[in-house]
């Protein structure tokens, strides 16, 4: 399996804290998915970063340096499984027992 810690651009809203948060997965077009910087620029330009902030969500854009054709078909579900309990709140506060991590649910 791919090292998922470096294979996506993620943004956690400043509003994400005590409630379960939406997790928004976006597959950027190939030309915008080759690096974290390109994925972040796509998130800003397309408005998805603003939407995630406004909705108190976690935004995830996979990075595929070798293009979408080289990415495994189950990339999104594997990323979700590997990271769903790893996104920290910006304040460090979360639902009791979560130790500062967000309770993500997929959108």
N, C-alpha and C. Protein backbone atom coordinates (compact mmCIF):
# COMPACT_ATOMS: atom_id res chain seq x y z
N UNK A 1 0.84 -1.18 0.00
CA UNK A 1 0.00 0.00 0.00
C UNK A 1 0.88 1.25 0.00
N UNK A 2 0.40 2.31 -0.57
CA UNK A 2 1.10 3.59 -0.67
C UNK A 2 1.24 4.23 0.71
N UNK A 3 2.31 5.01 0.93
CA UNK A 3 2.44 5.78 2.15
C UNK A 3 1.45 6.93 2.08
N UNK A 4 0.34 6.78 2.78
CA UNK A 4 -0.74 7.75 2.68
C UNK A 4 -0.46 9.05 3.41
N UNK A 5 0.53 9.07 4.29
CA UNK A 5 0.82 10.29 5.04
C UNK A 5 1.30 11.42 4.14
N UNK A 6 1.84 11.08 2.97
CA UNK A 6 2.35 12.12 2.06
C UNK A 6 1.60 12.13 0.74
N UNK A 7 0.49 11.41 0.67
CA UNK A 7 -0.17 11.26 -0.62
C UNK A 7 -1.48 12.03 -0.74
N UNK A 8 -1.65 13.06 0.09
CA UNK A 8 -2.85 13.88 -0.03
C UNK A 8 -2.61 15.26 0.55
N UNK A 9 -3.35 16.22 0.02
CA UNK A 9 -3.43 17.54 0.63
C UNK A 9 -4.65 17.51 1.52
N UNK A 10 -4.50 17.90 2.77
CA UNK A 10 -5.64 17.94 3.68
C UNK A 10 -5.76 19.33 4.30
N UNK A 11 -6.99 19.71 4.57
CA UNK A 11 -7.27 20.97 5.24
C UNK A 11 -8.32 20.71 6.31
N UNK A 12 -8.05 21.14 7.53
CA UNK A 12 -9.00 21.00 8.63
C UNK A 12 -9.53 22.38 8.96
N UNK A 13 -10.84 22.54 8.90
CA UNK A 13 -11.48 23.81 9.19
C UNK A 13 -11.18 24.26 10.62
N UNK A 14 -11.08 25.56 10.81
CA UNK A 14 -10.91 26.11 12.16
C UNK A 14 -12.16 25.89 13.00
N UNK A 15 -13.29 25.58 12.37
CA UNK A 15 -14.55 25.34 13.07
C UNK A 15 -14.72 23.89 13.51
N UNK A 16 -13.87 23.00 13.04
CA UNK A 16 -14.00 21.58 13.36
C UNK A 16 -13.53 21.34 14.79
N UNK A 17 -14.43 20.80 15.64
CA UNK A 17 -14.04 20.57 17.03
C UNK A 17 -14.87 19.48 17.69
N UNK A 18 -15.99 19.84 18.28
CA UNK A 18 -16.71 18.92 19.14
C UNK A 18 -17.74 18.04 18.44
N UNK A 19 -18.27 18.47 17.34
CA UNK A 19 -19.27 17.68 16.64
C UNK A 19 -18.60 16.77 15.61
N UNK A 20 -19.25 15.66 15.24
CA UNK A 20 -18.72 14.89 14.11
C UNK A 20 -18.58 15.81 12.90
N UNK A 21 -17.51 15.66 12.17
CA UNK A 21 -17.25 16.55 11.05
C UNK A 21 -17.39 15.84 9.71
N UNK A 22 -17.83 16.59 8.74
CA UNK A 22 -17.86 16.07 7.37
C UNK A 22 -16.44 15.87 6.89
N UNK A 23 -16.26 14.87 6.10
CA UNK A 23 -14.98 14.65 5.44
C UNK A 23 -15.26 14.69 3.95
N UNK A 24 -14.70 15.69 3.27
CA UNK A 24 -14.96 15.90 1.85
C UNK A 24 -13.75 15.41 1.06
N UNK A 25 -13.99 14.44 0.20
CA UNK A 25 -12.94 13.89 -0.66
C UNK A 25 -13.14 14.42 -2.07
N UNK A 26 -12.11 15.04 -2.63
CA UNK A 26 -12.17 15.61 -3.98
C UNK A 26 -11.00 15.05 -4.78
N UNK A 27 -11.30 14.57 -5.96
CA UNK A 27 -10.24 14.12 -6.88
C UNK A 27 -10.00 15.25 -7.88
N UNK A 28 -8.90 15.96 -7.68
CA UNK A 28 -8.56 17.07 -8.57
C UNK A 28 -8.20 16.54 -9.95
N UNK A 29 -8.40 17.36 -10.98
CA UNK A 29 -7.97 16.94 -12.32
C UNK A 29 -6.48 16.60 -12.31
N UNK A 30 -6.06 15.72 -13.19
CA UNK A 30 -4.68 15.23 -13.23
C UNK A 30 -3.63 16.31 -13.13
N UNK A 31 -3.81 17.41 -13.84
CA UNK A 31 -2.81 18.48 -13.83
C UNK A 31 -2.73 19.18 -12.47
N UNK A 32 -3.74 18.98 -11.62
CA UNK A 32 -3.76 19.62 -10.31
C UNK A 32 -3.56 18.63 -9.17
N UNK A 33 -3.25 17.39 -9.49
CA UNK A 33 -3.15 16.35 -8.47
C UNK A 33 -1.74 15.77 -8.34
N UNK A 34 -0.76 16.41 -8.94
CA UNK A 34 0.59 15.85 -8.95
C UNK A 34 1.43 16.12 -7.72
N UNK A 35 1.04 17.12 -6.93
CA UNK A 35 1.79 17.44 -5.71
C UNK A 35 0.84 18.06 -4.70
N UNK A 36 1.29 18.14 -3.45
CA UNK A 36 0.46 18.78 -2.43
C UNK A 36 0.24 20.25 -2.75
N UNK A 37 1.26 20.93 -3.27
CA UNK A 37 1.12 22.34 -3.61
C UNK A 37 0.09 22.54 -4.72
N UNK A 38 0.12 21.68 -5.74
CA UNK A 38 -0.86 21.78 -6.83
C UNK A 38 -2.27 21.48 -6.33
N UNK A 39 -2.39 20.48 -5.47
CA UNK A 39 -3.70 20.13 -4.92
C UNK A 39 -4.24 21.27 -4.06
N UNK A 40 -3.38 21.89 -3.26
CA UNK A 40 -3.81 23.02 -2.44
C UNK A 40 -4.27 24.18 -3.32
N UNK A 41 -3.52 24.47 -4.38
CA UNK A 41 -3.90 25.55 -5.28
C UNK A 41 -5.26 25.26 -5.91
N UNK A 42 -5.50 24.02 -6.31
CA UNK A 42 -6.79 23.63 -6.86
C UNK A 42 -7.90 23.83 -5.82
N UNK A 43 -7.63 23.44 -4.57
CA UNK A 43 -8.62 23.59 -3.50
C UNK A 43 -9.00 25.05 -3.30
N UNK A 44 -8.02 25.93 -3.38
CA UNK A 44 -8.28 27.37 -3.23
C UNK A 44 -9.02 27.90 -4.45
N UNK A 45 -8.50 27.64 -5.64
CA UNK A 45 -9.07 28.18 -6.88
C UNK A 45 -10.49 27.69 -7.13
N UNK A 46 -10.77 26.44 -6.77
CA UNK A 46 -12.10 25.87 -7.04
C UNK A 46 -13.11 26.21 -5.95
N UNK A 47 -12.65 26.76 -4.84
CA UNK A 47 -13.56 27.12 -3.76
C UNK A 47 -13.78 26.03 -2.72
N UNK A 48 -13.18 24.86 -2.91
CA UNK A 48 -13.39 23.76 -1.97
C UNK A 48 -12.79 24.05 -0.60
N UNK A 49 -11.67 24.76 -0.54
CA UNK A 49 -11.08 25.09 0.76
C UNK A 49 -12.01 26.01 1.54
N UNK A 50 -12.60 26.98 0.87
CA UNK A 50 -13.55 27.89 1.53
C UNK A 50 -14.78 27.13 2.01
N UNK A 51 -15.28 26.22 1.16
CA UNK A 51 -16.46 25.43 1.54
C UNK A 51 -16.14 24.59 2.78
N UNK A 52 -14.99 23.94 2.80
CA UNK A 52 -14.60 23.13 3.96
C UNK A 52 -14.52 23.99 5.21
N UNK A 53 -13.95 25.17 5.09
CA UNK A 53 -13.86 26.08 6.24
C UNK A 53 -15.25 26.48 6.71
N UNK A 54 -16.09 26.92 5.79
CA UNK A 54 -17.44 27.36 6.15
C UNK A 54 -18.27 26.26 6.79
N UNK A 55 -18.09 25.03 6.33
CA UNK A 55 -18.88 23.89 6.82
C UNK A 55 -18.25 23.18 8.02
N UNK A 56 -17.09 23.63 8.47
CA UNK A 56 -16.42 22.98 9.59
C UNK A 56 -15.97 21.58 9.26
N UNK A 57 -15.47 21.39 8.05
CA UNK A 57 -15.17 20.05 7.53
C UNK A 57 -13.67 19.80 7.40
N UNK A 58 -13.35 18.55 7.10
CA UNK A 58 -12.00 18.15 6.70
C UNK A 58 -12.03 17.94 5.20
N UNK A 59 -11.10 18.55 4.49
CA UNK A 59 -11.00 18.42 3.04
C UNK A 59 -9.79 17.55 2.71
N UNK A 60 -9.98 16.58 1.83
CA UNK A 60 -8.92 15.66 1.44
C UNK A 60 -8.84 15.59 -0.08
N UNK A 61 -7.68 15.91 -0.64
CA UNK A 61 -7.44 15.78 -2.07
C UNK A 61 -6.24 14.86 -2.27
N UNK A 62 -6.45 13.67 -2.80
CA UNK A 62 -5.33 12.76 -3.04
C UNK A 62 -4.31 13.37 -4.00
N UNK A 63 -3.06 13.05 -3.76
CA UNK A 63 -1.96 13.46 -4.64
C UNK A 63 -1.48 12.22 -5.38
N UNK A 64 -1.44 12.33 -6.70
CA UNK A 64 -1.02 11.20 -7.54
C UNK A 64 0.07 11.69 -8.49
N UNK A 65 1.33 11.68 -8.05
CA UNK A 65 2.43 12.23 -8.85
C UNK A 65 2.56 11.59 -10.23
N UNK A 66 2.19 10.32 -10.35
CA UNK A 66 2.32 9.63 -11.63
C UNK A 66 1.01 9.57 -12.40
N UNK A 67 0.02 10.36 -11.98
CA UNK A 67 -1.26 10.42 -12.67
C UNK A 67 -2.28 9.44 -12.13
N UNK A 68 -3.54 9.72 -12.44
CA UNK A 68 -4.64 8.90 -11.95
C UNK A 68 -4.59 7.47 -12.48
N UNK A 69 -4.07 7.27 -13.68
CA UNK A 69 -4.01 5.92 -14.23
C UNK A 69 -3.10 5.00 -13.40
N UNK A 70 -2.15 5.58 -12.68
CA UNK A 70 -1.24 4.78 -11.87
C UNK A 70 -1.74 4.58 -10.44
N UNK A 71 -2.80 5.29 -10.07
CA UNK A 71 -3.32 5.19 -8.70
C UNK A 71 -4.16 3.93 -8.53
N UNK A 72 -4.09 3.30 -7.36
CA UNK A 72 -4.92 2.12 -7.13
C UNK A 72 -6.40 2.51 -7.13
N UNK A 73 -7.24 1.60 -7.58
CA UNK A 73 -8.67 1.87 -7.67
C UNK A 73 -9.29 2.16 -6.31
N UNK A 74 -8.73 1.60 -5.26
CA UNK A 74 -9.29 1.77 -3.92
C UNK A 74 -8.57 2.86 -3.11
N UNK A 75 -7.92 3.79 -3.80
CA UNK A 75 -7.14 4.83 -3.13
C UNK A 75 -7.96 5.59 -2.09
N UNK A 76 -9.16 6.04 -2.45
CA UNK A 76 -9.95 6.85 -1.52
C UNK A 76 -10.37 6.06 -0.29
N UNK A 77 -10.86 4.86 -0.47
CA UNK A 77 -11.31 4.07 0.68
C UNK A 77 -10.13 3.68 1.56
N UNK A 78 -8.99 3.38 0.97
CA UNK A 78 -7.80 3.06 1.78
C UNK A 78 -7.32 4.28 2.55
N UNK A 79 -7.36 5.45 1.92
CA UNK A 79 -6.97 6.67 2.62
C UNK A 79 -7.93 6.92 3.78
N UNK A 80 -9.22 6.76 3.53
CA UNK A 80 -10.21 6.97 4.59
C UNK A 80 -9.96 6.02 5.76
N UNK A 81 -9.79 4.75 5.47
CA UNK A 81 -9.57 3.76 6.53
C UNK A 81 -8.30 4.07 7.34
N UNK A 82 -7.26 4.49 6.65
CA UNK A 82 -5.97 4.73 7.31
C UNK A 82 -5.93 6.01 8.13
N UNK A 83 -6.77 6.98 7.81
CA UNK A 83 -6.63 8.30 8.44
C UNK A 83 -7.88 8.80 9.15
N UNK A 84 -8.98 8.10 9.10
CA UNK A 84 -10.25 8.65 9.63
C UNK A 84 -10.19 9.05 11.09
N UNK A 85 -9.30 8.50 11.86
CA UNK A 85 -9.17 8.87 13.27
C UNK A 85 -7.90 9.66 13.56
N UNK A 86 -7.28 10.20 12.53
CA UNK A 86 -5.99 10.87 12.71
C UNK A 86 -6.00 12.38 12.50
N UNK A 87 -7.12 12.96 12.12
CA UNK A 87 -7.16 14.41 11.89
C UNK A 87 -7.35 15.12 13.22
N UNK A 88 -6.42 15.99 13.57
CA UNK A 88 -6.49 16.72 14.83
C UNK A 88 -7.23 18.03 14.66
N UNK A 89 -7.89 18.45 15.73
CA UNK A 89 -8.51 19.76 15.73
C UNK A 89 -7.40 20.80 15.85
N UNK A 90 -7.67 22.00 15.41
CA UNK A 90 -6.66 23.05 15.51
C UNK A 90 -6.47 23.49 16.95
N UNK A 91 -7.54 23.39 17.76
CA UNK A 91 -7.47 23.82 19.15
C UNK A 91 -6.98 22.72 20.09
N UNK A 92 -6.97 21.46 19.60
CA UNK A 92 -6.63 20.34 20.46
C UNK A 92 -7.81 19.83 21.27
N UNK A 93 -8.96 20.51 21.15
CA UNK A 93 -10.17 20.11 21.86
C UNK A 93 -11.03 19.26 20.94
N UNK A 94 -11.64 18.24 21.51
CA UNK A 94 -12.50 17.37 20.72
C UNK A 94 -13.50 16.70 21.66
N UNK A 95 -14.33 15.84 21.10
CA UNK A 95 -15.27 15.07 21.89
C UNK A 95 -14.49 14.30 22.95
N UNK A 96 -15.07 14.18 24.15
CA UNK A 96 -14.41 13.46 25.24
C UNK A 96 -13.99 12.08 24.76
N UNK A 97 -12.78 11.70 25.09
CA UNK A 97 -12.27 10.39 24.72
C UNK A 97 -11.58 10.34 23.36
N UNK A 98 -11.66 11.42 22.58
CA UNK A 98 -11.06 11.42 21.25
C UNK A 98 -9.61 11.91 21.27
N UNK A 99 -9.14 12.44 22.40
CA UNK A 99 -7.75 12.90 22.56
C UNK A 99 -7.34 13.93 21.51
N UNK A 100 -8.23 14.85 21.21
CA UNK A 100 -7.91 15.93 20.28
C UNK A 100 -8.08 15.60 18.82
N UNK A 101 -8.56 14.38 18.52
CA UNK A 101 -8.80 14.04 17.12
C UNK A 101 -10.27 14.18 16.79
N UNK A 102 -10.53 14.41 15.52
CA UNK A 102 -11.90 14.62 15.05
C UNK A 102 -12.60 13.30 14.77
N UNK A 103 -13.88 13.31 14.94
CA UNK A 103 -14.72 12.17 14.58
C UNK A 103 -15.21 12.45 13.16
N UNK A 104 -14.53 11.90 12.18
CA UNK A 104 -14.85 12.16 10.77
C UNK A 104 -15.93 11.21 10.27
N UNK A 105 -16.80 11.73 9.47
CA UNK A 105 -17.73 10.89 8.73
C UNK A 105 -17.68 11.33 7.29
N UNK A 106 -17.72 10.36 6.39
CA UNK A 106 -17.55 10.64 4.97
C UNK A 106 -18.79 11.31 4.40
N UNK A 107 -18.55 12.21 3.46
CA UNK A 107 -19.63 12.95 2.80
C UNK A 107 -19.74 12.47 1.38
